[in-house]
Amino acid sequence: MKMGYAALGVVSALAMASGRADARPVSYPGGWTWMQMNNGDFSSVHIHYSPTFQDSIGLYSERNWSDDWHFTGVQYNRLLKRWNEKNSQANVYLKGGIGQADPFGEAGPDLAGFVGIGADWETRRWFTSYEARAFDLGFDQTARQSARIGVAPYIGDYGDLHTWLMLQVENQPESETPTTLTPLVRFFYDVQLIEIGYTPETERFMANWIVRF
C-alpha cells in the first residue's frame, strides 16, 4: 500500500471585480466549467455543472503519469463556507469522486474514489490557496497536497486582462522529487483563465486552462 502527500464563485462582488473566470470548483447557478490541468506528473480534465452557487457535479478524468494509473469518474464539489468581507473573500470546499481506476499495463479496472478539501483567500492584490486530495484506487492508495501564494502586479478594472504572479509548492514523499516549487503566471480575461509555469526540480512545464460557460 502506498501513501503520498503531494501537491488545486463567480457570484461574489470580489470575483466580479477581478474577472469572470477563476479556478474555483463551483460556479454560478446554471453555469458550466471546463478545467484542464497538466503538470508533467499528471493530466486531468474536469467538466462540471453548478445547479446552485454551493454545488457542482460533473466528470473528472486523470491520467497519472507519475504513478501509472488512469481514473475516470463523477466528481461532486460543495462550497462549505464563504466569507465575504469589504476587501476580501475566503472559501472552503469539500470535493469527492467515485469511478474506476486502471493501472498502466495491468489487467482490469478497479472501483476507485477520492476525497479532498480546498481553501482560498484573496483580495484584489493578494491570493493564497491550499488543496489536499486522497485517492483509494482499489489496487493502491495515494494522496497529494499543494499550496499557492500570489500577487497581482497591477489592479485592473472589470473587463480588463488580469494577471497574477504565483508560487506553488507541492509535496509527494514517494516521488523521486518529493517537494517541488513552481513559479507560474495566471492570466484571465472574460471567461478564460490560463496558467503557465515551470518546475526547475523536475524540468517540466505546467499548463492549465479553465473556461466558464
N, C-alpha and C. Protein backbone atom coordinates (compact mmCIF):
# COMPACT_ATOMS: atom_id res chain seq x y z
N MET A 1 0.85 -1.20 0.00
CA MET A 1 0.00 0.00 0.00
C MET A 1 0.88 1.24 0.00
N LYS A 2 0.49 2.18 -0.81
CA LYS A 2 1.31 3.40 -0.93
C LYS A 2 0.53 4.60 -0.47
N MET A 3 1.13 5.42 0.38
CA MET A 3 0.51 6.67 0.81
C MET A 3 1.44 7.82 0.47
N GLY A 4 0.93 8.85 -0.21
CA GLY A 4 1.72 10.01 -0.57
C GLY A 4 0.98 11.27 -0.22
N TYR A 5 1.70 12.36 -0.01
CA TYR A 5 1.07 13.65 0.30
C TYR A 5 1.69 14.71 -0.59
N ALA A 6 1.03 15.02 -1.69
CA ALA A 6 1.60 15.99 -2.60
C ALA A 6 0.52 16.86 -3.22
N ALA A 7 1.15 17.85 -3.47
CA ALA A 7 0.52 18.52 -4.43
C ALA A 7 1.72 18.42 -5.38
N LEU A 8 -5.53 22.10 -6.61
CA LEU A 8 -5.59 22.55 -6.65
C LEU A 8 -5.36 21.82 -5.94
N GLY A 9 -17.28 30.49 -7.18
CA GLY A 9 -17.66 31.75 -7.08
C GLY A 9 -17.57 32.92 -7.95
N VAL A 10 -18.08 32.72 -8.98
CA VAL A 10 -18.14 33.93 -9.80
C VAL A 10 -19.27 34.84 -9.35
N VAL A 11 -20.05 34.44 -8.35
CA VAL A 11 -21.23 35.20 -7.96
C VAL A 11 -20.94 36.34 -7.00
N SER A 12 -19.73 36.42 -6.47
CA SER A 12 -19.46 37.44 -5.47
C SER A 12 -19.01 38.74 -6.11
N ALA A 13 -19.10 39.80 -5.38
CA ALA A 13 -18.67 41.10 -5.89
C ALA A 13 -17.17 41.11 -6.12
N LEU A 14 -16.41 40.44 -5.25
CA LEU A 14 -14.97 40.41 -5.42
C LEU A 14 -14.60 39.72 -6.71
N ALA A 15 -15.20 38.56 -6.99
CA ALA A 15 -14.88 37.83 -8.21
C ALA A 15 -15.28 38.63 -9.43
N MET A 16 -16.40 39.31 -9.37
CA MET A 16 -16.82 40.13 -10.50
C MET A 16 -15.86 41.28 -10.73
N ALA A 17 -15.28 41.81 -9.66
CA ALA A 17 -14.33 42.90 -9.82
C ALA A 17 -13.01 42.41 -10.40
N SER A 18 -12.66 41.17 -10.10
CA SER A 18 -11.38 40.65 -10.55
C SER A 18 -11.44 40.08 -11.95
N GLY A 19 -12.59 39.59 -12.37
CA GLY A 19 -12.74 38.95 -13.67
C GLY A 19 -13.79 37.88 -13.59
N ARG A 20 -14.22 37.35 -14.73
CA ARG A 20 -15.33 36.41 -14.73
C ARG A 20 -14.89 34.96 -14.69
N ALA A 21 -13.62 34.67 -14.80
CA ALA A 21 -13.14 33.29 -14.72
C ALA A 21 -12.27 33.14 -13.50
N ASP A 22 -12.39 32.00 -12.80
CA ASP A 22 -11.48 31.70 -11.72
C ASP A 22 -11.32 30.19 -11.64
N ALA A 23 -10.49 29.73 -10.70
CA ALA A 23 -10.16 28.31 -10.61
C ALA A 23 -11.00 27.59 -9.58
N ARG A 24 -12.06 28.18 -9.12
CA ARG A 24 -12.85 27.55 -8.07
C ARG A 24 -13.72 26.43 -8.60
N PRO A 25 -14.00 25.41 -7.76
CA PRO A 25 -14.72 24.22 -8.24
C PRO A 25 -16.24 24.37 -8.28
N VAL A 26 -16.78 25.53 -7.92
CA VAL A 26 -18.22 25.78 -8.01
C VAL A 26 -18.42 27.09 -8.73
N SER A 27 -19.34 27.10 -9.69
CA SER A 27 -19.59 28.28 -10.49
C SER A 27 -20.90 28.94 -10.03
N TYR A 28 -21.44 29.82 -10.87
CA TYR A 28 -22.73 30.45 -10.60
C TYR A 28 -23.85 29.47 -10.95
N PRO A 29 -25.06 29.60 -10.39
CA PRO A 29 -26.15 28.67 -10.69
C PRO A 29 -26.45 28.60 -12.18
N GLY A 30 -26.46 27.38 -12.71
CA GLY A 30 -26.70 27.17 -14.12
C GLY A 30 -25.45 27.25 -14.98
N GLY A 31 -24.28 27.44 -14.36
CA GLY A 31 -23.03 27.59 -15.11
C GLY A 31 -22.30 26.28 -15.32
N TRP A 32 -21.62 26.18 -16.45
CA TRP A 32 -20.75 25.06 -16.77
C TRP A 32 -19.30 25.52 -16.70
N THR A 33 -18.40 24.60 -16.33
CA THR A 33 -16.97 24.90 -16.25
C THR A 33 -16.16 23.77 -16.87
N TRP A 34 -15.14 24.14 -17.65
CA TRP A 34 -14.17 23.20 -18.20
C TRP A 34 -12.83 23.51 -17.56
N MET A 35 -12.20 22.51 -16.94
CA MET A 35 -10.88 22.66 -16.34
C MET A 35 -9.95 21.60 -16.90
N GLN A 36 -8.84 22.03 -17.47
CA GLN A 36 -7.82 21.12 -17.96
C GLN A 36 -6.50 21.46 -17.29
N MET A 37 -5.91 20.47 -16.60
CA MET A 37 -4.67 20.68 -15.84
C MET A 37 -3.59 19.73 -16.35
N ASN A 38 -2.37 20.26 -16.49
CA ASN A 38 -1.22 19.46 -16.93
C ASN A 38 0.03 19.96 -16.21
N ASN A 39 0.73 19.04 -15.53
CA ASN A 39 1.95 19.48 -14.84
C ASN A 39 3.14 18.55 -15.03
N GLY A 40 3.04 17.62 -15.99
CA GLY A 40 4.13 16.69 -16.21
C GLY A 40 3.96 15.39 -15.46
N ASP A 41 3.47 15.44 -14.21
CA ASP A 41 3.20 14.24 -13.44
C ASP A 41 1.83 13.66 -13.77
N PHE A 42 0.85 14.52 -14.03
CA PHE A 42 -0.48 14.04 -14.41
C PHE A 42 -1.18 15.07 -15.29
N SER A 43 -2.18 14.58 -16.04
CA SER A 43 -3.05 15.42 -16.84
C SER A 43 -4.49 15.09 -16.45
N SER A 44 -5.30 16.13 -16.27
CA SER A 44 -6.68 15.89 -15.85
C SER A 44 -7.63 16.81 -16.60
N VAL A 45 -8.88 16.34 -16.71
CA VAL A 45 -9.97 17.12 -17.27
C VAL A 45 -11.14 17.04 -16.30
N HIS A 46 -11.71 18.19 -15.95
CA HIS A 46 -12.87 18.25 -15.06
C HIS A 46 -13.92 19.14 -15.71
N ILE A 47 -15.07 18.56 -16.05
CA ILE A 47 -16.19 19.28 -16.64
C ILE A 47 -17.35 19.19 -15.67
N HIS A 48 -17.83 20.34 -15.17
CA HIS A 48 -18.90 20.26 -14.18
C HIS A 48 -19.97 21.32 -14.39
N TYR A 49 -21.15 21.01 -13.83
CA TYR A 49 -22.31 21.89 -13.88
C TYR A 49 -22.69 22.28 -12.46
N SER A 50 -23.04 23.55 -12.25
CA SER A 50 -23.41 24.04 -10.92
C SER A 50 -24.92 24.32 -10.87
N PRO A 51 -25.70 23.44 -10.26
CA PRO A 51 -27.13 23.71 -10.13
C PRO A 51 -27.43 24.82 -9.13
N THR A 52 -26.54 25.02 -8.14
CA THR A 52 -26.68 26.09 -7.17
C THR A 52 -25.32 26.76 -7.00
N PHE A 53 -25.27 27.85 -6.24
CA PHE A 53 -23.99 28.52 -6.01
C PHE A 53 -23.11 27.75 -5.03
N GLN A 54 -23.65 26.69 -4.40
CA GLN A 54 -22.89 25.90 -3.44
C GLN A 54 -22.46 24.54 -3.97
N ASP A 55 -23.01 24.08 -5.09
CA ASP A 55 -22.79 22.71 -5.53
C ASP A 55 -22.39 22.65 -7.00
N SER A 56 -21.60 21.65 -7.35
CA SER A 56 -21.33 21.32 -8.74
C SER A 56 -21.09 19.83 -8.86
N ILE A 57 -21.41 19.29 -10.04
CA ILE A 57 -21.23 17.86 -10.29
C ILE A 57 -20.85 17.68 -11.75
N GLY A 58 -19.97 16.72 -12.01
CA GLY A 58 -19.55 16.50 -13.39
C GLY A 58 -18.54 15.38 -13.52
N LEU A 59 -17.90 15.33 -14.67
CA LEU A 59 -16.93 14.30 -15.00
C LEU A 59 -15.53 14.73 -14.57
N TYR A 60 -14.78 13.78 -13.99
CA TYR A 60 -13.36 14.01 -13.70
C TYR A 60 -12.56 12.85 -14.25
N SER A 61 -11.54 13.14 -15.03
CA SER A 61 -10.66 12.12 -15.58
C SER A 61 -9.22 12.55 -15.36
N GLU A 62 -8.41 11.67 -14.80
CA GLU A 62 -7.00 11.96 -14.55
C GLU A 62 -6.12 10.82 -15.05
N ARG A 63 -5.16 11.16 -15.86
CA ARG A 63 -4.15 10.20 -16.31
C ARG A 63 -2.85 10.55 -15.59
N ASN A 64 -2.49 9.70 -14.64
CA ASN A 64 -1.35 9.97 -13.76
C ASN A 64 -0.11 9.28 -14.30
N TRP A 65 0.78 10.08 -14.91
CA TRP A 65 2.00 9.54 -15.50
C TRP A 65 3.02 9.15 -14.43
N SER A 66 3.02 9.84 -13.31
CA SER A 66 4.00 9.58 -12.26
C SER A 66 3.77 8.24 -11.58
N ASP A 67 2.50 7.92 -11.29
CA ASP A 67 2.18 6.68 -10.57
C ASP A 67 1.56 5.61 -11.45
N ASP A 68 1.42 5.87 -12.76
CA ASP A 68 0.98 4.86 -13.73
C ASP A 68 -0.44 4.36 -13.51
N TRP A 69 -1.40 5.30 -13.50
CA TRP A 69 -2.81 4.91 -13.44
C TRP A 69 -3.68 5.96 -14.09
N HIS A 70 -4.92 5.54 -14.43
CA HIS A 70 -5.89 6.42 -15.07
C HIS A 70 -7.22 6.27 -14.33
N PHE A 71 -7.72 7.39 -13.80
CA PHE A 71 -9.01 7.42 -13.09
C PHE A 71 -10.04 8.14 -13.93
N THR A 72 -11.26 7.58 -13.99
CA THR A 72 -12.39 8.23 -14.65
C THR A 72 -13.62 8.06 -13.77
N GLY A 73 -14.31 9.16 -13.49
CA GLY A 73 -15.49 9.05 -12.64
C GLY A 73 -16.26 10.35 -12.54
N VAL A 74 -17.17 10.38 -11.58
CA VAL A 74 -18.01 11.54 -11.31
C VAL A 74 -17.48 12.26 -10.09
N GLN A 75 -17.35 13.58 -10.18
CA GLN A 75 -16.88 14.39 -9.05
C GLN A 75 -17.98 15.33 -8.60
N TYR A 76 -18.13 15.43 -7.27
CA TYR A 76 -19.07 16.37 -6.65
C TYR A 76 -18.28 17.36 -5.81
N ASN A 77 -18.61 18.65 -5.91
CA ASN A 77 -17.96 19.70 -5.13
C ASN A 77 -19.01 20.45 -4.32
N ARG A 78 -18.66 20.81 -3.11
CA ARG A 78 -19.57 21.52 -2.22
C ARG A 78 -18.86 22.71 -1.58
N LEU A 79 -19.42 23.90 -1.73
CA LEU A 79 -18.93 25.07 -1.02
C LEU A 79 -19.41 24.99 0.42
N LEU A 80 -18.49 24.74 1.34
CA LEU A 80 -18.86 24.58 2.74
C LEU A 80 -19.07 25.91 3.45
N LYS A 81 -18.23 26.89 3.11
CA LYS A 81 -18.30 28.17 3.80
C LYS A 81 -17.68 29.25 2.94
N ARG A 82 -18.31 30.42 2.93
CA ARG A 82 -17.76 31.57 2.22
C ARG A 82 -17.80 32.78 3.14
N TRP A 83 -16.71 33.53 3.17
CA TRP A 83 -16.63 34.76 3.93
C TRP A 83 -16.46 35.92 2.94
N ASN A 84 -17.44 36.78 2.85
CA ASN A 84 -17.36 37.97 2.01
C ASN A 84 -17.12 39.19 2.89
N GLU A 85 -15.94 39.76 2.78
CA GLU A 85 -15.61 40.97 3.50
C GLU A 85 -15.56 42.14 2.52
N LYS A 86 -15.35 43.33 3.03
CA LYS A 86 -15.35 44.51 2.17
C LYS A 86 -14.28 44.43 1.09
N ASN A 87 -13.08 43.96 1.46
CA ASN A 87 -11.97 43.95 0.51
C ASN A 87 -11.37 42.56 0.30
N SER A 88 -12.06 41.51 0.73
CA SER A 88 -11.50 40.17 0.59
C SER A 88 -12.62 39.13 0.55
N GLN A 89 -12.23 37.94 0.12
CA GLN A 89 -13.15 36.80 0.13
C GLN A 89 -12.37 35.54 0.47
N ALA A 90 -13.00 34.63 1.21
CA ALA A 90 -12.40 33.34 1.54
C ALA A 90 -13.43 32.24 1.33
N ASN A 91 -12.95 31.05 0.94
CA ASN A 91 -13.84 29.92 0.65
C ASN A 91 -13.23 28.62 1.16
N VAL A 92 -14.10 27.70 1.57
CA VAL A 92 -13.69 26.34 1.91
C VAL A 92 -14.58 25.38 1.14
N TYR A 93 -13.96 24.38 0.48
CA TYR A 93 -14.69 23.44 -0.36
C TYR A 93 -14.42 22.01 0.07
N LEU A 94 -15.43 21.16 -0.12
CA LEU A 94 -15.29 19.71 0.01
C LEU A 94 -15.44 19.11 -1.38
N LYS A 95 -14.57 18.15 -1.71
CA LYS A 95 -14.60 17.51 -3.02
C LYS A 95 -14.60 16.00 -2.86
N GLY A 96 -15.31 15.31 -3.73
CA GLY A 96 -15.33 13.85 -3.68
C GLY A 96 -15.65 13.28 -5.03
N GLY A 97 -15.16 12.07 -5.29
CA GLY A 97 -15.41 11.45 -6.58
C GLY A 97 -15.46 9.94 -6.46
N ILE A 98 -16.18 9.30 -7.39
CA ILE A 98 -16.24 7.85 -7.44
C ILE A 98 -16.23 7.43 -8.90
N GLY A 99 -15.54 6.33 -9.19
CA GLY A 99 -15.44 5.86 -10.56
C GLY A 99 -14.59 4.61 -10.63
N GLN A 100 -13.74 4.53 -11.64
CA GLN A 100 -12.86 3.38 -11.79
C GLN A 100 -11.46 3.85 -12.12
N ALA A 101 -10.49 3.00 -11.74
CA ALA A 101 -9.08 3.30 -11.99
C ALA A 101 -8.44 2.11 -12.69
N ASP A 102 -7.64 2.41 -13.71
CA ASP A 102 -6.91 1.39 -14.45
C ASP A 102 -5.42 1.59 -14.23
N PRO A 103 -4.71 0.59 -13.71
CA PRO A 103 -3.25 0.70 -13.64
C PRO A 103 -2.65 0.45 -15.01
N PHE A 104 -1.64 1.22 -15.38
CA PHE A 104 -0.98 1.03 -16.67
C PHE A 104 -0.37 -0.37 -16.74
N GLY A 105 -0.66 -1.09 -17.80
CA GLY A 105 -0.04 -2.40 -18.00
C GLY A 105 -0.60 -3.50 -17.14
N GLU A 106 -1.66 -3.21 -16.37
CA GLU A 106 -2.28 -4.23 -15.51
C GLU A 106 -3.64 -4.60 -16.06
N ALA A 107 -4.17 -5.74 -15.63
CA ALA A 107 -5.45 -6.22 -16.14
C ALA A 107 -6.61 -5.66 -15.34
N GLY A 108 -7.60 -5.10 -16.05
CA GLY A 108 -8.89 -4.76 -15.46
C GLY A 108 -8.91 -3.54 -14.59
N PRO A 109 -10.00 -2.74 -14.67
CA PRO A 109 -10.18 -1.58 -13.79
C PRO A 109 -10.69 -1.99 -12.42
N ASP A 110 -10.44 -1.16 -11.43
CA ASP A 110 -10.95 -1.35 -10.07
C ASP A 110 -11.84 -0.19 -9.69
N LEU A 111 -12.81 -0.47 -8.82
CA LEU A 111 -13.62 0.60 -8.24
C LEU A 111 -12.70 1.54 -7.46
N ALA A 112 -12.88 2.85 -7.66
CA ALA A 112 -11.96 3.82 -7.05
C ALA A 112 -12.73 5.07 -6.63
N GLY A 113 -12.12 5.86 -5.78
CA GLY A 113 -12.72 7.10 -5.34
C GLY A 113 -11.69 8.00 -4.68
N PHE A 114 -12.11 9.21 -4.40
CA PHE A 114 -11.23 10.16 -3.73
C PHE A 114 -12.05 11.15 -2.92
N VAL A 115 -11.40 11.76 -1.93
CA VAL A 115 -11.98 12.85 -1.17
C VAL A 115 -10.92 13.94 -1.07
N GLY A 116 -11.37 15.19 -0.96
CA GLY A 116 -10.42 16.28 -0.87
C GLY A 116 -11.03 17.52 -0.25
N ILE A 117 -10.17 18.43 0.12
CA ILE A 117 -10.59 19.73 0.63
C ILE A 117 -9.81 20.81 -0.11
N GLY A 118 -10.40 21.97 -0.19
CA GLY A 118 -9.72 23.11 -0.80
C GLY A 118 -10.12 24.38 -0.08
N ALA A 119 -9.22 25.33 0.00
CA ALA A 119 -9.50 26.61 0.64
C ALA A 119 -8.72 27.70 -0.08
N ASP A 120 -9.30 28.90 -0.12
CA ASP A 120 -8.59 30.03 -0.71
C ASP A 120 -9.01 31.32 -0.02
N TRP A 121 -8.14 32.30 -0.10
CA TRP A 121 -8.39 33.65 0.42
C TRP A 121 -7.75 34.62 -0.55
N GLU A 122 -8.47 35.69 -0.90
CA GLU A 122 -7.90 36.66 -1.82
C GLU A 122 -8.46 38.06 -1.63
N THR A 123 -7.63 39.00 -1.97
CA THR A 123 -8.03 40.39 -2.17
C THR A 123 -7.79 40.68 -3.65
N ARG A 124 -7.92 41.92 -4.06
CA ARG A 124 -7.62 42.25 -5.44
C ARG A 124 -6.10 42.27 -5.69
N ARG A 125 -5.31 42.25 -4.63
CA ARG A 125 -3.85 42.26 -4.75
C ARG A 125 -3.22 40.93 -4.41
N TRP A 126 -3.74 40.22 -3.37
CA TRP A 126 -3.10 39.03 -2.84
C TRP A 126 -3.99 37.80 -2.99
N PHE A 127 -3.33 36.63 -3.10
CA PHE A 127 -4.05 35.37 -3.26
C PHE A 127 -3.30 34.27 -2.52
N THR A 128 -4.03 33.42 -1.79
CA THR A 128 -3.46 32.21 -1.20
C THR A 128 -4.46 31.08 -1.34
N SER A 129 -3.95 29.84 -1.45
CA SER A 129 -4.85 28.69 -1.55
C SER A 129 -4.14 27.44 -1.04
N TYR A 130 -4.96 26.44 -0.72
CA TYR A 130 -4.45 25.14 -0.27
C TYR A 130 -5.41 24.07 -0.75
N GLU A 131 -4.87 22.93 -1.18
CA GLU A 131 -5.70 21.79 -1.59
C GLU A 131 -5.03 20.50 -1.20
N ALA A 132 -5.83 19.52 -0.76
CA ALA A 132 -5.35 18.17 -0.45
C ALA A 132 -6.36 17.17 -0.99
N ARG A 133 -5.86 16.07 -1.50
CA ARG A 133 -6.74 15.04 -2.07
C ARG A 133 -6.16 13.67 -1.80
N ALA A 134 -7.00 12.72 -1.37
CA ALA A 134 -6.60 11.35 -1.08
C ALA A 134 -7.38 10.40 -1.97
N PHE A 135 -6.68 9.48 -2.62
CA PHE A 135 -7.28 8.51 -3.54
C PHE A 135 -7.25 7.11 -2.94
N ASP A 136 -8.34 6.36 -3.14
CA ASP A 136 -8.35 4.91 -2.96
C ASP A 136 -8.62 4.33 -4.34
N LEU A 137 -7.59 3.76 -4.95
CA LEU A 137 -7.68 3.29 -6.33
C LEU A 137 -8.05 1.82 -6.44
N GLY A 138 -8.32 1.18 -5.32
CA GLY A 138 -8.59 -0.25 -5.34
C GLY A 138 -7.31 -1.04 -5.24
N PHE A 139 -6.42 -0.87 -6.18
CA PHE A 139 -5.13 -1.55 -6.18
C PHE A 139 -4.06 -0.78 -5.44
N ASP A 140 -4.37 0.45 -5.02
CA ASP A 140 -3.37 1.30 -4.36
C ASP A 140 -4.08 2.46 -3.67
N GLN A 141 -3.37 3.13 -2.79
CA GLN A 141 -3.85 4.35 -2.14
C GLN A 141 -2.76 5.41 -2.23
N THR A 142 -3.17 6.65 -2.45
CA THR A 142 -2.20 7.73 -2.57
C THR A 142 -2.87 9.05 -2.22
N ALA A 143 -2.09 10.06 -1.99
CA ALA A 143 -2.62 11.39 -1.66
C ALA A 143 -1.62 12.45 -2.06
N ARG A 144 -2.10 13.69 -2.19
CA ARG A 144 -1.22 14.79 -2.53
C ARG A 144 -1.79 16.09 -1.97
N GLN A 145 -0.92 17.08 -1.82
CA GLN A 145 -1.35 18.39 -1.35
C GLN A 145 -0.51 19.47 -2.00
N SER A 146 -1.08 20.66 -2.08
CA SER A 146 -0.37 21.78 -2.68
C SER A 146 -0.86 23.07 -2.07
N ALA A 147 -0.03 24.10 -2.15
CA ALA A 147 -0.39 25.42 -1.66
C ALA A 147 0.18 26.47 -2.61
N ARG A 148 -0.50 27.64 -2.64
CA ARG A 148 -0.08 28.72 -3.51
C ARG A 148 -0.11 30.06 -2.78
N ILE A 149 0.75 30.95 -3.23
CA ILE A 149 0.67 32.36 -2.85
C ILE A 149 0.89 33.17 -4.12
N GLY A 150 0.13 34.26 -4.25
CA GLY A 150 0.24 35.04 -5.47
C GLY A 150 0.01 36.52 -5.21
N VAL A 151 0.46 37.33 -6.17
CA VAL A 151 0.28 38.77 -6.09
C VAL A 151 -0.07 39.28 -7.48
N ALA A 152 -0.95 40.26 -7.54
CA ALA A 152 -1.29 40.92 -8.80
C ALA A 152 -0.40 42.13 -8.98
N PRO A 153 0.40 42.19 -10.05
CA PRO A 153 1.31 43.32 -10.24
C PRO A 153 0.59 44.63 -10.56
N TYR A 154 -0.67 44.54 -10.96
CA TYR A 154 -1.49 45.73 -11.20
C TYR A 154 -2.94 45.38 -10.90
N ILE A 155 -3.74 46.38 -10.61
CA ILE A 155 -5.16 46.18 -10.32
C ILE A 155 -5.96 46.65 -11.52
N GLY A 156 -6.55 45.71 -12.23
CA GLY A 156 -7.33 46.04 -13.41
C GLY A 156 -8.79 46.27 -13.08
N ASP A 157 -9.49 46.89 -14.00
CA ASP A 157 -10.93 47.09 -13.87
C ASP A 157 -11.66 45.88 -14.44
N TYR A 158 -12.95 45.85 -14.18
CA TYR A 158 -13.77 44.78 -14.73
C TYR A 158 -13.71 44.84 -16.26
N GLY A 159 -13.48 43.67 -16.88
CA GLY A 159 -13.36 43.63 -18.33
C GLY A 159 -11.93 43.71 -18.83
N ASP A 160 -10.96 44.03 -17.94
CA ASP A 160 -9.55 44.08 -18.34
C ASP A 160 -8.93 42.68 -18.33
N LEU A 161 -7.76 42.57 -18.90
CA LEU A 161 -6.94 41.38 -18.74
C LEU A 161 -6.28 41.44 -17.37
N HIS A 162 -6.47 40.40 -16.56
CA HIS A 162 -5.92 40.36 -15.20
C HIS A 162 -4.75 39.38 -15.15
N THR A 163 -3.74 39.72 -14.37
CA THR A 163 -2.52 38.94 -14.29
C THR A 163 -2.15 38.70 -12.83
N TRP A 164 -1.73 37.47 -12.53
CA TRP A 164 -1.23 37.12 -11.20
C TRP A 164 0.12 36.44 -11.35
N LEU A 165 1.05 36.76 -10.48
CA LEU A 165 2.33 36.07 -10.37
C LEU A 165 2.26 35.19 -9.13
N MET A 166 2.48 33.88 -9.29
CA MET A 166 2.25 32.93 -8.20
C MET A 166 3.43 32.00 -8.00
N LEU A 167 3.50 31.44 -6.80
CA LEU A 167 4.45 30.39 -6.48
C LEU A 167 3.66 29.23 -5.86
N GLN A 168 3.82 28.05 -6.44
CA GLN A 168 3.12 26.86 -5.95
C GLN A 168 4.13 25.89 -5.35
N VAL A 169 3.80 25.34 -4.18
CA VAL A 169 4.62 24.30 -3.56
C VAL A 169 3.79 23.03 -3.47
N GLU A 170 4.40 21.91 -3.87
CA GLU A 170 3.77 20.60 -3.81
C GLU A 170 4.67 19.63 -3.06
N ASN A 171 4.04 18.68 -2.38
CA ASN A 171 4.80 17.68 -1.64
C ASN A 171 4.25 16.29 -1.92
N GLN A 172 5.13 15.38 -2.34
CA GLN A 172 4.78 14.00 -2.62
C GLN A 172 5.94 13.12 -2.18
N PRO A 173 5.91 12.64 -0.91
CA PRO A 173 7.08 11.95 -0.34
C PRO A 173 7.58 10.76 -1.15
N GLU A 174 6.69 10.05 -1.84
CA GLU A 174 7.11 8.85 -2.56
C GLU A 174 7.62 9.15 -3.96
N SER A 175 7.53 10.40 -4.36
CA SER A 175 8.02 10.77 -5.68
C SER A 175 9.54 10.85 -5.67
N GLU A 176 10.14 10.78 -6.86
CA GLU A 176 11.58 10.95 -6.97
C GLU A 176 12.01 12.33 -6.49
N THR A 177 11.12 13.31 -6.66
CA THR A 177 11.36 14.67 -6.16
C THR A 177 10.19 15.02 -5.24
N PRO A 178 10.30 14.73 -3.94
CA PRO A 178 9.14 14.85 -3.04
C PRO A 178 8.54 16.25 -2.97
N THR A 179 9.38 17.28 -2.93
CA THR A 179 8.88 18.65 -2.80
C THR A 179 9.35 19.47 -3.99
N THR A 180 8.39 20.16 -4.61
CA THR A 180 8.73 20.99 -5.76
C THR A 180 8.15 22.38 -5.61
N LEU A 181 8.81 23.34 -6.22
CA LEU A 181 8.35 24.72 -6.28
C LEU A 181 8.15 25.10 -7.74
N THR A 182 6.98 25.66 -8.05
CA THR A 182 6.65 26.01 -9.42
C THR A 182 6.26 27.48 -9.51
N PRO A 183 7.12 28.35 -10.01
CA PRO A 183 6.68 29.71 -10.32
C PRO A 183 5.74 29.66 -11.53
N LEU A 184 4.68 30.47 -11.48
CA LEU A 184 3.73 30.45 -12.58
C LEU A 184 3.10 31.82 -12.73
N VAL A 185 2.53 32.03 -13.89
CA VAL A 185 1.79 33.26 -14.15
C VAL A 185 0.38 32.88 -14.57
N ARG A 186 -0.59 33.59 -14.02
CA ARG A 186 -2.01 33.36 -14.33
C ARG A 186 -2.55 34.57 -15.08
N PHE A 187 -3.22 34.31 -16.18
CA PHE A 187 -3.92 35.34 -16.94
C PHE A 187 -5.40 34.99 -16.98
N PHE A 188 -6.27 35.96 -16.74
CA PHE A 188 -7.66 35.70 -17.07
C PHE A 188 -8.34 36.94 -17.62
N TYR A 189 -9.21 36.63 -18.59
CA TYR A 189 -9.95 37.65 -19.30
C TYR A 189 -11.32 37.10 -19.65
N ASP A 190 -12.39 37.82 -19.27
CA ASP A 190 -13.76 37.39 -19.53
C ASP A 190 -13.99 36.02 -18.89
N VAL A 191 -14.21 34.95 -19.67
CA VAL A 191 -14.48 33.62 -19.11
C VAL A 191 -13.28 32.68 -19.24
N GLN A 192 -12.13 33.19 -19.68
CA GLN A 192 -10.96 32.36 -19.92
C GLN A 192 -9.89 32.58 -18.85
N LEU A 193 -9.31 31.49 -18.35
CA LEU A 193 -8.20 31.55 -17.41
C LEU A 193 -7.10 30.61 -17.90
N ILE A 194 -5.89 31.11 -17.98
CA ILE A 194 -4.74 30.31 -18.42
C ILE A 194 -3.61 30.47 -17.41
N GLU A 195 -2.98 29.35 -17.04
CA GLU A 195 -1.82 29.36 -16.16
C GLU A 195 -0.66 28.66 -16.84
N ILE A 196 0.52 29.27 -16.77
CA ILE A 196 1.72 28.68 -17.35
C ILE A 196 2.83 28.76 -16.31
N GLY A 197 3.48 27.62 -16.06
CA GLY A 197 4.55 27.59 -15.07
C GLY A 197 5.64 26.61 -15.45
N TYR A 198 6.70 26.62 -14.65
CA TYR A 198 7.84 25.72 -14.89
C TYR A 198 8.39 25.27 -13.55
N THR A 199 8.65 23.95 -13.43
CA THR A 199 9.19 23.36 -12.20
C THR A 199 10.65 23.01 -12.40
N PRO A 200 11.58 23.77 -11.85
CA PRO A 200 13.01 23.51 -12.08
C PRO A 200 13.47 22.13 -11.60
N GLU A 201 12.93 21.66 -10.46
CA GLU A 201 13.39 20.38 -9.90
C GLU A 201 13.15 19.21 -10.84
N THR A 202 12.03 19.24 -11.57
CA THR A 202 11.70 18.14 -12.49
C THR A 202 11.88 18.53 -13.96
N GLU A 203 12.19 19.81 -14.20
CA GLU A 203 12.37 20.32 -15.56
C GLU A 203 11.12 20.07 -16.41
N ARG A 204 9.95 20.36 -15.82
CA ARG A 204 8.68 20.14 -16.50
C ARG A 204 7.86 21.43 -16.49
N PHE A 205 7.07 21.60 -17.55
CA PHE A 205 6.19 22.74 -17.67
C PHE A 205 4.81 22.40 -17.12
N MET A 206 4.12 23.41 -16.63
CA MET A 206 2.74 23.30 -16.19
C MET A 206 1.88 24.19 -17.09
N ALA A 207 0.72 23.68 -17.52
CA ALA A 207 -0.19 24.45 -18.35
C ALA A 207 -1.62 24.10 -17.95
N ASN A 208 -2.38 25.08 -17.49
CA ASN A 208 -3.77 24.88 -17.08
C ASN A 208 -4.68 25.82 -17.86
N TRP A 209 -5.87 25.34 -18.16
CA TRP A 209 -6.84 26.13 -18.93
C TRP A 209 -8.23 25.93 -18.34
N ILE A 210 -8.91 27.02 -18.00
CA ILE A 210 -10.24 26.96 -17.40
C ILE A 210 -11.16 27.90 -18.17
N VAL A 211 -12.37 27.41 -18.47
CA VAL A 211 -13.36 28.21 -19.17
C VAL A 211 -14.69 28.07 -18.44
N ARG A 212 -15.36 29.22 -18.18
CA ARG A 212 -16.72 29.24 -17.64
C ARG A 212 -17.69 29.50 -18.77
N PHE A 213 -18.82 28.78 -18.75
CA PHE A 213 -19.85 28.99 -19.76
C PHE A 213 -21.10 29.59 -19.12
